[in-house]
C-alpha atoms as a PDB file:
ATOM      1  CA  MET A   1     108.156 118.894 142.556  1.00  0.00           C
ATOM      2  CA  GLN A   2     106.566 117.298 139.591  1.00  0.00           C
ATOM      3  CA  ILE A   3     104.304 119.128 137.872  1.00  0.00           C
ATOM      4  CA  PRO A   4     101.752 117.167 135.893  1.00  0.00           C
ATOM      5  CA  THR A   5     100.488 117.836 132.538  1.00  0.00           C
ATOM      6  CA  GLY A   6      96.980 118.036 131.786  1.00  0.00           C
ATOM      7  CA  ASN A   7      94.578 118.252 128.819  1.00  0.00           C
ATOM      8  CA  GLY A   8      92.854 121.954 130.243  1.00  0.00           C
ATOM      9  CA  VAL A   9      90.374 121.970 132.756  1.00  0.00           C
ATOM     10  CA  THR A  10      87.062 120.771 131.104  1.00  0.00           C
ATOM     11  CA  ALA A  11      84.104 118.698 132.501  1.00  0.00           C
ATOM     12  CA  ASP A  12      86.012 115.428 131.927  1.00  0.00           C
ATOM     13  CA  SER A  13      89.653 116.310 133.622  1.00  0.00           C
ATOM     14  CA  PRO A  14      88.474 119.179 136.555  1.00  0.00           C
ATOM     15  CA  ASN A  15      91.469 120.727 138.644  1.00  0.00           C
ATOM     16  CA  SER A  16      92.010 118.783 141.130  1.00  0.00           C
ATOM     17  CA  ALA A  17      95.331 118.966 144.030  1.00  0.00           C
ATOM     18  CA  ALA A  18      97.393 117.360 141.701  1.00  0.00           C
ATOM     19  CA  TYR A  19      96.111 120.533 138.377  1.00  0.00           C
ATOM     20  CA  PRO A  20      95.075 122.829 140.773  1.00  0.00           C
ATOM     21  CA  ALA A  21      93.947 126.177 139.424  1.00  0.00           C
ATOM     22  CA  ASP A  22      96.345 129.108 138.280  1.00  0.00           C
ATOM     23  CA  PRO A  23      94.886 132.067 139.434  1.00  0.00           C
ATOM     24  CA  LEU A  24      96.485 133.746 136.967  1.00  0.00           C
ATOM     25  CA  LEU A  25      95.733 132.014 134.051  1.00  0.00           C
ATOM     26  CA  ASN A  26      91.634 133.411 132.258  1.00  0.00           C
ATOM     27  CA  THR A  27      89.061 130.861 133.426  1.00  0.00           C
ATOM     28  CA  ALA A  28      87.705 131.898 130.587  1.00  0.00           C
ATOM     29  CA  GLY A  29      89.027 128.276 129.532  1.00  0.00           C
ATOM     30  CA  ASN A  30      90.795 129.821 126.653  1.00  0.00           C
ATOM     31  CA  ASN A  31      94.854 129.080 127.562  1.00  0.00           C
ATOM     32  CA  TRP A  32      97.202 126.611 127.695  1.00  0.00           C
ATOM     33  CA  TYR A  33      97.161 125.284 130.946  1.00  0.00           C
ATOM     34  CA  ALA A  34     100.051 123.147 131.702  1.00  0.00           C
ATOM     35  CA  GLY A  35     100.350 122.653 127.628  1.00  0.00           C
ATOM     36  CA  ASN A  36      98.850 122.322 124.580  1.00  0.00           C
ATOM     37  CA  TYR A  37      97.562 118.674 125.196  1.00  0.00           C
ATOM     38  CA  HIS A  38      93.477 118.628 125.103  1.00  0.00           C
ATOM     39  CA  ASN A  39      91.125 115.834 125.007  1.00  0.00           C
ATOM     40  CA  GLY A  40      90.177 114.527 121.795  1.00  0.00           C
ATOM     41  CA  GLN A  41      89.739 111.712 119.201  1.00  0.00           C
ATOM     42  CA  GLY A  42      89.932 110.026 115.921  1.00  0.00           C
ATOM     43  CA  SER A  43      90.525 107.941 113.487  1.00  0.00           C
ATOM     44  CA  TYR A  44      92.911 107.093 110.687  1.00  0.00           C
ATOM     45  CA  HIS A  45      93.460 104.555 108.004  1.00  0.00           C
ATOM     46  CA  VAL A  46      96.062 102.776 105.710  1.00  0.00           C
ATOM     47  CA  ALA A  47      95.340 100.327 102.847  1.00  0.00           C
ATOM     48  CA  GLU A  48      98.135  97.764 101.846  1.00  0.00           C
ATOM     49  CA  ALA A  49      98.443  95.923  98.620  1.00  0.00           C
ATOM     50  CA  TYR A  50     102.013  93.804  97.304  1.00  0.00           C
ATOM     51  CA  VAL A  51     103.971  92.131  95.250  1.00  0.00           C
ATOM     52  CA  GLU A  52     106.942  90.415  95.020  1.00  0.00           C
ATOM     53  CA  GLN A  53     108.773  88.276  92.426  1.00  0.00           C
ATOM     54  CA  ASN A  54     111.728  86.001  92.966  1.00  0.00           C
ATOM     55  CA  ILE A  55     112.695  85.473  89.325  1.00  0.00           C
ATOM     56  CA  PRO A  56     115.443  82.718  88.585  1.00  0.00           C
ATOM     57  CA  PHE A  57     117.418  83.917  85.222  1.00  0.00           C
ATOM     58  CA  MET A  58     120.497  81.300  85.871  1.00  0.00           C
ATOM     59  CA  LYS A  59     121.549  77.825  86.569  1.00  0.00           C
ATOM     60  CA  TRP A  60     124.796  76.649  85.346  1.00  0.00           C
ATOM     61  CA  GLU A  61     126.926  74.087  86.663  1.00  0.00           C
ATOM     62  CA  ARG A  62     130.056  76.426  86.341  1.00  0.00           C
ATOM     63  CA  LEU A  63     128.554  80.232  86.475  1.00  0.00           C
ATOM     64  CA  GLY A  64     126.624  78.985  89.411  1.00  0.00           C
ATOM     65  CA  GLU A  65     122.417  80.091  90.059  1.00  0.00           C
ATOM     66  CA  ALA A  66     121.040  83.895  89.881  1.00  0.00           C
ATOM     67  CA  ASN A  67     117.620  85.527  90.523  1.00  0.00           C
ATOM     68  CA  LEU A  68     116.187  88.575  90.187  1.00  0.00           C
ATOM     69  CA  ASN A  69     113.851  90.149  92.886  1.00  0.00           C
ATOM     70  CA  VAL A  70     111.739  92.415  91.944  1.00  0.00           C
ATOM     71  CA  ALA A  71     108.964  94.371  94.843  1.00  0.00           C
ATOM     72  CA  VAL A  72     106.011  96.686  94.634  1.00  0.00           C
ATOM     73  CA  ARG A  73     104.403  98.182  97.139  1.00  0.00           C
ATOM     74  CA  GLN A  74     101.613 100.352  96.797  1.00  0.00           C
ATOM     75  CA  THR A  75     100.085 102.425 100.534  1.00  0.00           C
ATOM     76  CA  ARG A  76      96.946 105.030 100.838  1.00  0.00           C
ATOM     77  CA  TYR A  77      97.218 106.730 104.157  1.00  0.00           C
ATOM     78  CA  SER A  78      93.391 108.785 104.694  1.00  0.00           C
ATOM     79  CA  THR A  79      95.830 111.445 106.534  1.00  0.00           C
ATOM     80  CA  SER A  80      98.255 112.180 103.638  1.00  0.00           C
ATOM     81  CA  GLY A  81      97.488 110.167 100.283  1.00  0.00           C
ATOM     82  CA  SER A  82      99.396 107.494  98.481  1.00  0.00           C
ATOM     83  CA  VAL A  83     103.293 105.929  98.735  1.00  0.00           C
ATOM     84  CA  THR A  84     104.509 103.595  96.066  1.00  0.00           C
ATOM     85  CA  ALA A  85     107.690 102.142  97.338  1.00  0.00           C
ATOM     86  CA  TRP A  86     109.357  99.828  95.156  1.00  0.00           C
ATOM     87  CA  LYS A  87     112.595  97.661  95.329  1.00  0.00           C
ATOM     88  CA  VAL A  88     115.035  96.050  92.746  1.00  0.00           C
ATOM     89  CA  GLY A  89     117.681  92.951  94.024  1.00  0.00           C
ATOM     90  CA  GLY A  90     119.720  90.305  93.035  1.00  0.00           C
ATOM     91  CA  THR A  91     121.520  87.343  94.623  1.00  0.00           C
ATOM     92  CA  TRP A  92     124.244  85.227  92.503  1.00  0.00           C
ATOM     93  CA  LYS A  93     125.197  82.015  94.838  1.00  0.00           C
ATOM     94  CA  THR A  94     128.891  81.289  93.299  1.00  0.00           C
ATOM     95  CA  PRO A  95     130.030  77.867  92.403  1.00  0.00           C
ATOM     96  CA  ILE A  96     132.541  77.932  95.664  1.00  0.00           C
ATOM     97  CA  ASP A  97     130.512  76.673  98.149  1.00  0.00           C
ATOM     98  CA  GLY A  98     129.438  78.998 100.639  1.00  0.00           C
ATOM     99  CA  LEU A  99     129.774  82.114  99.129  1.00  0.00           C
ATOM    100  CA  SER A 100     127.180  84.165  97.265  1.00  0.00           C
ATOM    101  CA  PHE A 101     126.667  87.910  96.327  1.00  0.00           C
ATOM    102  CA  GLY A 102     123.337  89.763  97.012  1.00  0.00           C
ATOM    103  CA  LEU A 103     122.450  93.400  96.345  1.00  0.00           C
END
């Protein structure tokens, strides 16, 4: 038998055959019922800004090509504040066909 979970007994979700009243529960309505699920609503907002730059710094026939990649992202969450994330990486394409390295 599967017991349905609910958000408590309210005008929006009254007792029914699928969610019958339990005689052991407090009729004043301050019970947990089938869980602590209650009707609710809310919202949150997220704002982001980022910049990324690929900077080539070497292009020699004998050594290959290399570049540096840097990025930063600033994120602001209305519920938990701001976070800054960043990365630094690079690639080296060697003069050997098909062989490259990255970090």
